[in-house]
Amino acid sequence: MAEQTNTGGGGGAGMAFIVGALVVIVAVIAYFVFTGGMTQKKSVDIKVSAPQLDAPKVPDAPKPAG
């Protein structure tokens, strides 16, 4: 009687995992492409104004003696 060897198959679980991971990656990329991703579409305008301050007046230098 001859022995029968099985030379095909057996890689279905690994291949299914890889294909499933690729499907998830493509779905995430499609979500970011069609929804605008993580970019914010808000416009913020900030204006900061401080009052004008004048420096204090420096006293006159003393006159030299003599």
N, C-alpha and C. Protein backbone atom coordinates (compact mmCIF):
# COMPACT_ATOMS: atom_id res chain seq x y z
N MET A 1 0.82 -1.15 0.00
CA MET A 1 0.00 0.00 0.00
C MET A 1 0.89 1.25 0.00
N ALA A 2 0.54 2.24 -0.77
CA ALA A 2 1.33 3.47 -0.88
C ALA A 2 0.87 4.50 0.14
N GLU A 3 1.85 5.24 0.63
CA GLU A 3 1.50 6.30 1.57
C GLU A 3 1.03 7.52 0.80
N GLN A 4 0.05 8.17 1.37
CA GLN A 4 -0.47 9.37 0.73
C GLN A 4 0.04 10.58 1.51
N THR A 5 0.66 11.51 0.81
CA THR A 5 1.15 12.73 1.46
C THR A 5 0.31 13.91 1.00
N ASN A 6 0.04 14.78 1.91
CA ASN A 6 -0.76 15.97 1.60
C ASN A 6 0.21 17.13 1.40
N THR A 7 0.30 17.64 0.20
CA THR A 7 1.25 18.72 -0.09
C THR A 7 0.55 20.05 -0.30
N GLY A 8 -0.73 20.13 -0.21
CA GLY A 8 -1.42 21.39 -0.46
C GLY A 8 -2.19 21.87 0.76
N GLY A 9 -2.51 23.14 0.78
CA GLY A 9 -3.33 23.71 1.85
C GLY A 9 -2.54 23.94 3.12
N GLY A 10 -3.26 24.25 4.19
CA GLY A 10 -2.64 24.46 5.47
C GLY A 10 -2.24 25.89 5.74
N GLY A 11 -2.23 26.74 4.75
CA GLY A 11 -1.84 28.14 4.94
C GLY A 11 -3.03 29.07 4.95
N GLY A 12 -4.22 28.55 5.09
CA GLY A 12 -5.42 29.36 5.01
C GLY A 12 -5.57 30.32 6.18
N ALA A 13 -5.21 29.92 7.38
CA ALA A 13 -5.38 30.78 8.55
C ALA A 13 -4.43 31.98 8.48
N GLY A 14 -3.21 31.76 8.12
CA GLY A 14 -2.25 32.86 8.01
C GLY A 14 -2.62 33.83 6.91
N MET A 15 -3.05 33.29 5.79
CA MET A 15 -3.45 34.15 4.67
C MET A 15 -4.71 34.94 5.02
N ALA A 16 -5.64 34.33 5.72
CA ALA A 16 -6.86 35.03 6.13
C ALA A 16 -6.53 36.18 7.08
N PHE A 17 -5.58 35.97 7.99
CA PHE A 17 -5.16 37.04 8.90
C PHE A 17 -4.55 38.20 8.14
N ILE A 18 -3.69 37.92 7.18
CA ILE A 18 -3.04 38.97 6.39
C ILE A 18 -4.07 39.75 5.57
N VAL A 19 -4.99 39.03 4.94
CA VAL A 19 -6.02 39.70 4.12
C VAL A 19 -6.92 40.55 5.02
N GLY A 20 -7.28 40.04 6.19
CA GLY A 20 -8.11 40.80 7.12
C GLY A 20 -7.41 42.06 7.59
N ALA A 21 -6.12 41.97 7.89
CA ALA A 21 -5.35 43.15 8.30
C ALA A 21 -5.30 44.18 7.18
N LEU A 22 -5.11 43.74 5.96
CA LEU A 22 -5.09 44.67 4.82
C LEU A 22 -6.44 45.35 4.63
N VAL A 23 -7.53 44.62 4.83
CA VAL A 23 -8.86 45.22 4.71
C VAL A 23 -9.05 46.30 5.77
N VAL A 24 -8.62 46.04 6.99
CA VAL A 24 -8.74 47.04 8.06
C VAL A 24 -7.90 48.27 7.74
N ILE A 25 -6.68 48.08 7.26
CA ILE A 25 -5.81 49.21 6.92
C ILE A 25 -6.43 50.05 5.82
N VAL A 26 -6.96 49.41 4.79
CA VAL A 26 -7.60 50.14 3.69
C VAL A 26 -8.83 50.90 4.20
N ALA A 27 -9.59 50.30 5.10
CA ALA A 27 -10.77 50.98 5.65
C ALA A 27 -10.37 52.21 6.45
N VAL A 28 -9.31 52.13 7.23
CA VAL A 28 -8.85 53.29 8.01
C VAL A 28 -8.35 54.39 7.08
N ILE A 29 -7.60 54.04 6.06
CA ILE A 29 -7.11 55.03 5.09
C ILE A 29 -8.29 55.68 4.37
N ALA A 30 -9.28 54.92 3.97
CA ALA A 30 -10.45 55.47 3.29
C ALA A 30 -11.20 56.42 4.20
N TYR A 31 -11.31 56.08 5.48
CA TYR A 31 -11.99 56.96 6.43
C TYR A 31 -11.30 58.32 6.49
N PHE A 32 -9.97 58.32 6.61
CA PHE A 32 -9.26 59.59 6.69
C PHE A 32 -9.31 60.37 5.39
N VAL A 33 -9.33 59.69 4.26
CA VAL A 33 -9.39 60.38 2.98
C VAL A 33 -10.75 61.03 2.77
N PHE A 34 -11.82 60.33 3.08
CA PHE A 34 -13.16 60.83 2.79
C PHE A 34 -13.71 61.77 3.86
N THR A 35 -13.16 61.74 5.07
CA THR A 35 -13.66 62.64 6.11
C THR A 35 -12.74 63.82 6.36
N GLY A 36 -11.67 63.94 5.66
CA GLY A 36 -10.75 65.05 5.85
C GLY A 36 -9.67 64.75 6.86
N GLY A 37 -9.64 63.57 7.37
CA GLY A 37 -8.58 63.17 8.29
C GLY A 37 -8.65 63.88 9.61
N MET A 38 -7.48 64.20 10.14
CA MET A 38 -7.40 64.83 11.44
C MET A 38 -7.22 66.34 11.34
N THR A 39 -7.38 66.88 10.16
CA THR A 39 -7.21 68.33 10.00
C THR A 39 -8.44 69.04 10.54
N GLN A 40 -8.20 70.17 11.16
CA GLN A 40 -9.29 70.96 11.69
C GLN A 40 -9.68 71.99 10.65
N LYS A 41 -10.95 72.18 10.48
CA LYS A 41 -11.44 73.14 9.51
C LYS A 41 -11.87 74.44 10.18
N LYS A 42 -11.48 74.61 11.44
CA LYS A 42 -11.82 75.83 12.17
C LYS A 42 -10.79 76.90 11.87
N SER A 43 -11.25 78.14 11.88
CA SER A 43 -10.37 79.27 11.70
C SER A 43 -10.38 80.08 12.99
N VAL A 44 -9.23 80.25 13.58
CA VAL A 44 -9.13 80.98 14.83
C VAL A 44 -8.32 82.23 14.57
N ASP A 45 -8.88 83.40 14.95
CA ASP A 45 -8.20 84.67 14.78
C ASP A 45 -7.97 85.27 16.16
N ILE A 46 -6.72 85.39 16.55
CA ILE A 46 -6.39 85.92 17.87
C ILE A 46 -5.68 87.25 17.69
N LYS A 47 -6.23 88.28 18.35
CA LYS A 47 -5.61 89.60 18.31
C LYS A 47 -5.24 89.99 19.73
N VAL A 48 -3.99 90.32 19.93
CA VAL A 48 -3.52 90.72 21.24
C VAL A 48 -3.02 92.15 21.14
N SER A 49 -3.52 93.01 22.01
CA SER A 49 -3.05 94.39 22.02
C SER A 49 -2.73 94.80 23.44
N ALA A 50 -1.61 95.47 23.60
CA ALA A 50 -1.19 95.95 24.91
C ALA A 50 -1.19 97.47 24.89
N PRO A 51 -1.46 98.09 26.03
CA PRO A 51 -1.45 99.55 26.05
C PRO A 51 -0.04 100.10 25.82
N GLN A 52 0.04 101.27 25.22
CA GLN A 52 1.33 101.89 24.95
C GLN A 52 1.86 102.48 26.26
N LEU A 53 3.02 102.05 26.68
CA LEU A 53 3.63 102.53 27.92
C LEU A 53 4.86 103.35 27.58
N ASP A 54 5.01 104.48 28.27
CA ASP A 54 6.19 105.31 28.08
C ASP A 54 7.19 104.98 29.18
N ALA A 55 8.46 105.02 28.83
CA ALA A 55 9.51 104.76 29.81
C ALA A 55 9.57 105.92 30.80
N PRO A 56 9.91 105.64 32.05
CA PRO A 56 9.99 106.75 33.02
C PRO A 56 11.13 107.70 32.66
N LYS A 57 10.95 108.97 33.02
CA LYS A 57 11.95 110.00 32.69
C LYS A 57 13.17 109.77 33.59
N VAL A 58 14.33 109.80 32.96
CA VAL A 58 15.58 109.62 33.68
C VAL A 58 15.97 110.97 34.27
N PRO A 59 16.36 111.00 35.55
CA PRO A 59 16.76 112.30 36.13
C PRO A 59 18.04 112.81 35.47
N ASP A 60 18.19 114.13 35.51
CA ASP A 60 19.40 114.75 34.93
C ASP A 60 20.63 114.32 35.71
N ALA A 61 21.72 114.18 35.02
CA ALA A 61 22.99 113.81 35.67
C ALA A 61 23.48 114.98 36.51
N PRO A 62 24.10 114.68 37.64
CA PRO A 62 24.62 115.80 38.47
C PRO A 62 25.75 116.53 37.75
N LYS A 63 25.84 117.82 38.02
CA LYS A 63 26.88 118.62 37.39
C LYS A 63 28.21 118.34 38.08
N PRO A 64 29.28 118.27 37.29
CA PRO A 64 30.59 118.00 37.89
C PRO A 64 31.00 119.15 38.84
N ALA A 65 31.69 118.79 39.90
CA ALA A 65 32.14 119.78 40.88
C ALA A 65 33.31 120.57 40.31
N GLY A 66 33.33 121.81 40.59
CA GLY A 66 34.51 122.59 40.27
C GLY A 66 34.40 123.63 39.32
